[in-house]
Amino acid sequence: MLTKRIIPCLDIKNGRTVKGRKFQFLKDAGNPIELVCWYTKQGADEIVFLDITATNEKRKILVNLVKKISYYINIPFTVGGGISKEDDVEILLQSGADKISVNTAAFKNPKLLKILSKRFGSQCIVLAIDTKYENDIWWVYLNGGRIPTKVKALDWAKMGESLGAGEILLTSMNHDGTKNGFAFDITKKISEKVSIPVIASGGAGCLKDFYNIFKNGKADAALAASIFHYKEIEIPILKKYLNNHNIPVRI
């Protein structure tokens, strides 16, 4: 049985780690390099780095910071934000990233997923989907949750897989930063309709939330930020809890 992954997320703005609530009200959460070193020692399975304002500011990702972080990391490292073409991916992979996350650019140009997966391999292409529950439907949002679309998250997830995405990073805008638990309903729907791994993001607040997203949401991995940044939950304690509740994790 494949182990479930625990993934801290670094949302980066102006070179600092930040965290907000429902994609708003961002607050400083620390030095990203210090956090990466801490998470590596804690036993995190992967690290996700998202330059959350790159797309909206129409600029490229902070490559120098990616290079610095990669120097201190010995676990899989996913990088996203402002990626729109093959050259962006090549630079990031050369700078130490193991996987790249694409969101808005892939939605606007779905062929990008096919191009990237063909050149670099689907195993390193993560399709990030920011979704919001409105009028009984989970809709896709772009540009860091600023722009709504008329496309359903489930439909886009299935299309993304067919175009070559090797993994899906699913973030519920409704749950982000609330600490009220993950959105296990949409996570489960997507997990059951695609054959690639699904990372659940948004809403982690306690140990049981992780159990629920793995058991009921069928997620392959769970991503969280503030509860790890502020040491409200430490990864060794979380993994011990999950292991004791028959959720397979790497100890």
Protein backbone atom coordinates (compact mmCIF):
# COMPACT_ATOMS: atom_id res chain seq x y z
CA MET A 1 0.00 0.00 0.00
CA LEU A 2 1.32 3.45 -0.93
CA THR A 3 2.03 5.71 2.01
CA LYS A 4 0.13 8.96 2.39
CA ARG A 5 2.24 12.11 2.17
CA ILE A 6 2.40 15.10 4.51
CA ILE A 7 3.39 18.28 2.68
CA PRO A 8 4.11 21.69 4.21
CA CYS A 9 3.43 24.57 1.84
CA LEU A 10 5.38 27.80 1.57
CA ASP A 11 3.24 30.56 0.11
CA ILE A 12 5.78 33.20 -0.90
CA LYS A 13 5.28 36.94 -1.30
CA ASN A 14 8.20 39.37 -1.60
CA GLY A 15 10.59 36.63 -0.58
CA ARG A 16 8.83 35.85 2.70
CA THR A 17 6.51 33.04 3.72
CA VAL A 18 2.96 34.32 4.21
CA LYS A 19 -0.37 32.82 5.20
CA GLY A 20 -3.90 34.12 4.96
CA ARG A 21 -7.52 33.06 5.14
CA LYS A 22 -9.56 32.25 2.05
CA PHE A 23 -6.75 33.68 -0.11
CA GLN A 24 -6.92 37.06 1.69
CA PHE A 25 -5.55 38.83 4.78
CA LEU A 26 -1.96 37.67 4.30
CA LYS A 27 0.36 37.73 7.30
CA ASP A 28 4.07 37.05 7.58
CA ALA A 29 4.85 33.47 8.60
CA GLY A 30 8.62 33.41 8.59
CA ASN A 31 11.82 32.94 6.66
CA PRO A 32 11.30 30.27 3.97
CA ILE A 33 14.82 28.84 4.26
CA GLU A 34 14.51 28.44 8.04
CA LEU A 35 11.13 26.75 7.59
CA VAL A 36 12.48 24.37 4.95
CA CYS A 37 15.32 23.29 7.24
CA TRP A 38 12.83 22.72 10.06
CA TYR A 39 10.47 20.66 7.90
CA THR A 40 13.27 18.53 6.53
CA LYS A 41 14.32 17.65 10.07
CA GLN A 42 10.68 17.06 11.06
CA GLY A 43 10.20 14.35 8.45
CA ALA A 44 8.05 16.12 5.85
CA ASP A 45 7.58 14.01 2.76
CA GLU A 46 7.75 16.92 0.33
CA ILE A 47 7.82 20.70 0.23
CA VAL A 48 5.62 22.89 -2.00
CA PHE A 49 6.79 26.43 -2.82
CA LEU A 50 4.19 28.74 -4.38
CA ASP A 51 5.07 32.27 -5.50
CA ILE A 52 1.47 33.35 -5.01
CA THR A 53 1.63 36.79 -6.62
CA ALA A 54 3.83 36.04 -9.64
CA THR A 55 0.96 35.42 -12.07
CA ASN A 56 -1.12 38.38 -10.95
CA GLU A 57 1.93 40.65 -11.05
CA LYS A 58 2.82 39.25 -14.49
CA ARG A 59 6.37 38.36 -13.52
CA LYS A 60 8.53 35.28 -13.33
CA ILE A 61 9.06 33.22 -10.22
CA LEU A 62 11.78 34.02 -7.65
CA VAL A 63 14.43 31.71 -9.12
CA ASN A 64 17.23 32.80 -6.79
CA LEU A 65 15.13 31.92 -3.76
CA VAL A 66 14.31 28.54 -5.29
CA LYS A 67 18.04 27.89 -5.70
CA LYS A 68 18.74 28.85 -2.09
CA ILE A 69 15.98 26.61 -0.76
CA SER A 70 17.01 23.65 -2.90
CA TYR A 71 20.47 23.78 -1.33
CA TYR A 72 18.98 22.89 2.06
CA ILE A 73 16.43 20.32 0.97
CA ASN A 74 16.76 16.57 0.47
CA ILE A 75 13.10 15.70 -0.14
CA PRO A 76 10.94 16.27 -3.24
CA PHE A 77 10.49 19.98 -3.95
CA THR A 78 7.56 21.32 -5.98
CA VAL A 79 7.66 24.90 -7.24
CA GLY A 80 4.83 26.98 -8.74
CA GLY A 81 3.87 30.53 -9.62
CA GLY A 82 4.22 32.47 -12.85
CA ILE A 83 5.10 29.40 -14.95
CA SER A 84 3.84 29.82 -18.51
CA LYS A 85 6.24 28.12 -20.90
CA GLU A 86 8.81 25.36 -21.35
CA ASP A 87 11.79 27.58 -20.57
CA ASP A 88 10.32 28.46 -17.17
CA VAL A 89 10.15 24.79 -16.27
CA GLU A 90 13.65 24.05 -17.52
CA ILE A 91 15.10 26.90 -15.44
CA LEU A 92 13.30 25.75 -12.30
CA LEU A 93 14.33 22.13 -12.70
CA GLN A 94 17.92 23.26 -13.22
CA SER A 95 17.58 25.42 -10.10
CA GLY A 96 16.69 22.47 -7.87
CA ALA A 97 12.97 21.87 -8.26
CA ASP A 98 11.86 18.24 -8.63
CA LYS A 99 8.34 19.07 -9.80
CA ILE A 100 6.60 22.18 -11.07
CA SER A 101 3.06 23.34 -10.42
CA VAL A 102 1.05 25.08 -13.13
CA ASN A 103 -2.32 26.71 -12.63
CA THR A 104 -3.60 29.74 -14.57
CA ALA A 105 -1.32 29.31 -17.58
CA ALA A 106 -2.44 25.71 -18.04
CA PHE A 107 -6.10 26.68 -17.81
CA LYS A 108 -5.72 29.41 -20.40
CA ASN A 109 -3.63 27.17 -22.66
CA PRO A 110 -4.44 23.52 -21.92
CA LYS A 111 -1.97 22.36 -24.58
CA LEU A 112 0.76 23.54 -22.22
CA LEU A 113 0.19 20.46 -20.05
CA LYS A 114 0.69 18.18 -23.03
CA ILE A 115 3.83 20.04 -24.10
CA LEU A 116 5.36 20.01 -20.62
CA SER A 117 4.53 16.39 -19.84
CA LYS A 118 5.95 15.25 -23.17
CA ARG A 119 9.22 17.10 -22.69
CA PHE A 120 9.79 16.72 -18.95
CA GLY A 121 7.62 13.73 -18.03
CA SER A 122 4.21 13.76 -16.41
CA GLN A 123 5.75 12.74 -13.08
CA CYS A 124 7.04 16.28 -12.56
CA ILE A 125 3.94 18.19 -13.80
CA VAL A 126 1.48 19.12 -11.05
CA LEU A 127 -1.82 20.73 -12.04
CA ALA A 128 -2.85 23.16 -9.31
CA ILE A 129 -6.59 23.82 -9.09
CA ASP A 130 -7.98 26.58 -6.90
CA THR A 131 -11.68 25.93 -6.44
CA LYS A 132 -14.57 27.69 -4.72
CA TYR A 133 -17.98 26.30 -3.77
CA GLU A 134 -20.76 28.56 -5.05
CA ASN A 135 -24.38 27.74 -5.85
CA ASP A 136 -23.83 24.03 -5.14
CA ILE A 137 -20.93 23.76 -7.60
CA TRP A 138 -17.16 23.74 -7.17
CA TRP A 139 -15.81 26.25 -9.71
CA VAL A 140 -12.24 26.83 -10.91
CA TYR A 141 -10.64 30.18 -10.02
CA LEU A 142 -7.53 31.73 -11.57
CA ASN A 143 -4.79 34.24 -10.71
CA GLY A 144 -4.45 33.22 -7.10
CA GLY A 145 -8.19 33.00 -6.55
CA ARG A 146 -8.93 36.42 -8.01
CA ILE A 147 -10.68 35.48 -11.25
CA PRO A 148 -13.71 33.15 -11.43
CA THR A 149 -14.37 30.84 -14.36
CA LYS A 150 -17.39 28.89 -15.55
CA VAL A 151 -15.54 25.58 -15.49
CA LYS A 152 -16.20 22.95 -12.85
CA ALA A 153 -13.22 21.71 -10.84
CA LEU A 154 -14.06 18.06 -11.51
CA ASP A 155 -14.21 18.62 -15.27
CA TRP A 156 -10.92 20.48 -15.32
CA ALA A 157 -9.23 17.81 -13.20
CA LYS A 158 -10.26 15.07 -15.61
CA MET A 159 -9.15 17.12 -18.59
CA GLY A 160 -5.86 17.93 -16.91
CA GLU A 161 -5.12 14.27 -16.42
CA SER A 162 -5.94 13.50 -20.05
CA LEU A 163 -3.51 16.22 -21.16
CA GLY A 164 -0.61 14.82 -19.18
CA ALA A 165 -0.71 16.17 -15.63
CA GLY A 166 0.88 13.67 -13.26
CA GLU A 167 -0.66 14.98 -10.07
CA ILE A 168 -3.36 17.41 -8.90
CA LEU A 169 -2.97 19.98 -6.13
CA LEU A 170 -6.54 20.80 -5.12
CA THR A 171 -7.08 23.85 -2.92
CA SER A 172 -10.48 24.75 -1.52
CA MET A 173 -10.76 28.52 -1.27
CA ASN A 174 -13.73 28.12 1.09
CA HIS A 175 -11.62 26.15 3.54
CA ASP A 176 -8.25 27.88 3.16
CA GLY A 177 -6.98 29.16 6.50
CA THR A 178 -10.18 28.35 8.37
CA LYS A 179 -8.80 25.33 10.28
CA ASN A 180 -12.25 23.76 10.01
CA GLY A 181 -11.11 20.72 8.06
CA PHE A 182 -10.38 19.89 4.43
CA ALA A 183 -13.02 19.84 1.69
CA PHE A 184 -13.27 16.06 1.62
CA ASP A 185 -16.36 15.98 -0.61
CA ILE A 186 -14.80 17.52 -3.75
CA THR A 187 -11.48 15.85 -2.95
CA LYS A 188 -13.20 12.47 -2.89
CA LYS A 189 -15.09 13.14 -6.13
CA ILE A 190 -11.93 14.07 -7.98
CA SER A 191 -9.85 11.28 -6.42
CA GLU A 192 -12.40 8.72 -7.56
CA LYS A 193 -12.55 10.10 -11.11
CA VAL A 194 -8.84 10.41 -11.87
CA SER A 195 -6.06 7.85 -11.65
CA ILE A 196 -3.31 10.30 -10.71
CA PRO A 197 -2.51 11.36 -7.13
CA VAL A 198 -4.55 14.15 -5.55
CA ILE A 199 -3.08 16.50 -2.93
CA ALA A 200 -5.72 18.06 -0.68
CA SER A 201 -5.11 21.64 0.43
CA GLY A 202 -7.02 24.14 2.55
CA GLY A 203 -8.55 23.84 6.01
CA ALA A 204 -6.25 21.70 8.15
CA GLY A 205 -6.72 22.52 11.82
CA CYS A 206 -6.24 19.37 13.89
CA LEU A 207 -4.95 15.82 13.70
CA LYS A 208 -8.36 14.37 12.90
CA ASP A 209 -8.66 16.59 9.81
CA PHE A 210 -5.77 14.70 8.24
CA TYR A 211 -7.31 11.36 9.10
CA ASN A 212 -10.62 12.44 7.54
CA ILE A 213 -9.09 13.67 4.28
CA PHE A 214 -7.19 10.42 3.84
CA LYS A 215 -9.99 8.11 4.97
CA ASN A 216 -13.08 9.92 3.67
CA GLY A 217 -11.59 12.25 1.06
CA LYS A 218 -9.44 9.54 -0.56
CA ALA A 219 -6.55 12.00 -0.88
CA ASP A 220 -3.07 10.73 -1.63
CA ALA A 221 -1.40 13.61 0.18
CA ALA A 222 -2.39 16.45 2.51
CA LEU A 223 -0.89 19.90 2.33
CA ALA A 224 -0.97 22.47 5.11
CA ALA A 225 0.72 25.73 6.00
CA SER A 226 -0.11 27.77 9.09
CA ILE A 227 -0.52 24.86 11.51
CA PHE A 228 2.98 23.74 10.57
CA HIS A 229 4.53 27.22 10.33
CA TYR A 230 3.33 28.19 13.80
CA LYS A 231 4.05 24.72 15.21
CA GLU A 232 0.45 24.09 16.22
CA ILE A 233 0.97 20.55 14.91
CA GLU A 234 4.38 18.97 14.52
CA ILE A 235 4.87 16.47 11.73
CA PRO A 236 6.27 13.58 13.85
CA ILE A 237 3.23 13.79 16.15
CA LEU A 238 0.88 13.91 13.16
CA LYS A 239 2.50 10.90 11.54
CA LYS A 240 2.41 8.90 14.75
CA TYR A 241 -1.30 9.70 15.10
CA LEU A 242 -2.04 8.64 11.53
CA ASN A 243 -0.01 5.46 11.87
CA ASN A 244 -1.90 4.58 15.06
CA HIS A 245 -5.16 5.06 13.12
CA ASN A 246 -4.10 2.72 10.32
CA ILE A 247 -3.24 5.43 7.79
CA PRO A 248 0.04 4.37 6.13
CA VAL A 249 2.70 7.07 6.39
CA ARG A 250 6.48 7.20 6.20
CA ILE A 251 7.78 7.37 9.76
